[in-house]
C-alpha atoms as a PDB file:
ATOM      1  CA  MET A   1      43.781 -92.734 -54.628  1.00  0.00           C
ATOM      2  CA  LYS A   2      40.048 -92.312 -54.781  1.00  0.00           C
ATOM      3  CA  ILE A   3      36.814 -94.154 -55.357  1.00  0.00           C
ATOM      4  CA  ILE A   4      34.586 -92.830 -58.138  1.00  0.00           C
ATOM      5  CA  VAL A   5      30.828 -93.410 -57.843  1.00  0.00           C
ATOM      6  CA  ASN A   6      29.284 -94.136 -61.249  1.00  0.00           C
ATOM      7  CA  VAL A   7      25.709 -94.602 -60.090  1.00  0.00           C
ATOM      8  CA  ASP A   8      24.561 -91.794 -62.401  1.00  0.00           C
ATOM      9  CA  VAL A   9      25.871 -93.732 -65.416  1.00  0.00           C
ATOM     10  CA  MET A  10      23.912 -96.819 -64.396  1.00  0.00           C
ATOM     11  CA  MET A  11      20.814 -94.715 -63.709  1.00  0.00           C
ATOM     12  CA  ALA A  12      20.992 -93.265 -67.215  1.00  0.00           C
ATOM     13  CA  LYS A  13      21.349 -96.751 -68.729  1.00  0.00           C
ATOM     14  CA  ARG A  14      18.312 -97.958 -66.761  1.00  0.00           C
ATOM     15  CA  LYS A  15      16.349 -94.715 -67.283  1.00  0.00           C
ATOM     16  CA  ILE A  16      15.503 -94.176 -63.611  1.00  0.00           C
ATOM     17  CA  SER A  17      15.429 -90.887 -61.716  1.00  0.00           C
ATOM     18  CA  SER A  18      17.286 -90.131 -58.497  1.00  0.00           C
ATOM     19  CA  ASN A  19      14.092 -89.757 -56.490  1.00  0.00           C
ATOM     20  CA  ASP A  20      12.647 -93.033 -57.780  1.00  0.00           C
ATOM     21  CA  LEU A  21      15.854 -94.941 -57.084  1.00  0.00           C
ATOM     22  CA  ALA A  22      16.247 -93.415 -53.614  1.00  0.00           C
ATOM     23  CA  GLU A  23      12.707 -94.466 -52.761  1.00  0.00           C
ATOM     24  CA  LYS A  24      13.209 -98.001 -54.091  1.00  0.00           C
ATOM     25  CA  ILE A  25      16.410 -98.557 -52.093  1.00  0.00           C
ATOM     26  CA  GLY A  26      15.016 -96.969 -48.939  1.00  0.00           C
ATOM     27  CA  ILE A  27      17.173 -93.872 -48.418  1.00  0.00           C
ATOM     28  CA  THR A  28      16.298 -90.192 -48.474  1.00  0.00           C
ATOM     29  CA  PRO A  29      16.820 -88.193 -51.662  1.00  0.00           C
ATOM     30  CA  ALA A  30      19.299 -86.002 -49.752  1.00  0.00           C
ATOM     31  CA  ASN A  31      21.418 -88.991 -48.700  1.00  0.00           C
ATOM     32  CA  PHE A  32      21.210 -90.427 -52.201  1.00  0.00           C
ATOM     33  CA  SER A  33      22.459 -87.109 -53.586  1.00  0.00           C
ATOM     34  CA  VAL A  34      25.499 -87.256 -51.284  1.00  0.00           C
ATOM     35  CA  LEU A  35      26.235 -90.766 -52.534  1.00  0.00           C
ATOM     36  CA  LYS A  36      25.642 -89.931 -56.193  1.00  0.00           C
ATOM     37  CA  THR A  37      27.906 -86.876 -56.170  1.00  0.00           C
ATOM     38  CA  GLY A  38      30.762 -88.849 -54.617  1.00  0.00           C
ATOM     39  CA  LYS A  39      30.754 -86.868 -51.367  1.00  0.00           C
ATOM     40  CA  ALA A  40      29.904 -89.891 -49.226  1.00  0.00           C
ATOM     41  CA  LYS A  41      32.708 -91.232 -47.045  1.00  0.00           C
ATOM     42  CA  ALA A  42      31.162 -94.692 -46.758  1.00  0.00           C
ATOM     43  CA  ILE A  43      28.378 -96.885 -48.086  1.00  0.00           C
ATOM     44  CA  ARG A  44      26.607 -99.678 -46.263  1.00  0.00           C
ATOM     45  CA  PHE A  45      26.687-103.082 -47.900  1.00  0.00           C
ATOM     46  CA  SER A  46      22.901-103.188 -47.593  1.00  0.00           C
ATOM     47  CA  THR A  47      22.659 -99.954 -49.610  1.00  0.00           C
ATOM     48  CA  LEU A  48      25.129-101.243 -52.190  1.00  0.00           C
ATOM     49  CA  MET A  49      23.182-104.503 -52.484  1.00  0.00           C
ATOM     50  CA  ALA A  50      19.916-102.590 -52.910  1.00  0.00           C
ATOM     51  CA  LEU A  51      21.498-100.414 -55.618  1.00  0.00           C
ATOM     52  CA  CYS A  52      22.810-103.458 -57.460  1.00  0.00           C
ATOM     53  CA  HIS A  53      19.445-105.178 -57.183  1.00  0.00           C
ATOM     54  CA  GLU A  54      17.446-102.204 -58.505  1.00  0.00           C
ATOM     55  CA  LEU A  55      19.938-101.327 -61.247  1.00  0.00           C
ATOM     56  CA  GLN A  56      20.599-104.998 -62.071  1.00  0.00           C
ATOM     57  CA  CYS A  57      24.357-104.543 -62.021  1.00  0.00           C
ATOM     58  CA  GLN A  58      27.497-105.525 -60.108  1.00  0.00           C
ATOM     59  CA  PRO A  59      29.247-103.383 -57.431  1.00  0.00           C
ATOM     60  CA  GLY A  60      32.094-102.765 -59.899  1.00  0.00           C
ATOM     61  CA  ASP A  61      29.617-101.104 -62.255  1.00  0.00           C
ATOM     62  CA  ILE A  62      28.871 -98.524 -59.568  1.00  0.00           C
ATOM     63  CA  LEU A  63      32.227 -98.088 -57.796  1.00  0.00           C
ATOM     64  CA  GLU A  64      35.571 -97.507 -59.502  1.00  0.00           C
ATOM     65  CA  PHE A  65      39.020 -97.278 -57.888  1.00  0.00           C
ATOM     66  CA  ILE A  66      41.460 -94.704 -59.292  1.00  0.00           C
ATOM     67  CA  ASP A  67      45.107 -94.915 -58.215  1.00  0.00           C
ATOM     68  CA  ASP A  68      46.648 -91.485 -58.682  1.00  0.00           C
END
């Protein structure tokens, strides 16, 4: 079982760069990179809400559960 982070897909649809999005949601580019690459072990609800707000999407558009 794993959670796939599809934030890069939503970024491409909205035509926004990693650095711009990181700045808008208030996290460092390094921390955003960890999240974007799926290496993060957790995400704060406040960060998820900020991502959804900026990308104008739902949490399910960003996070996907895969049951192996």
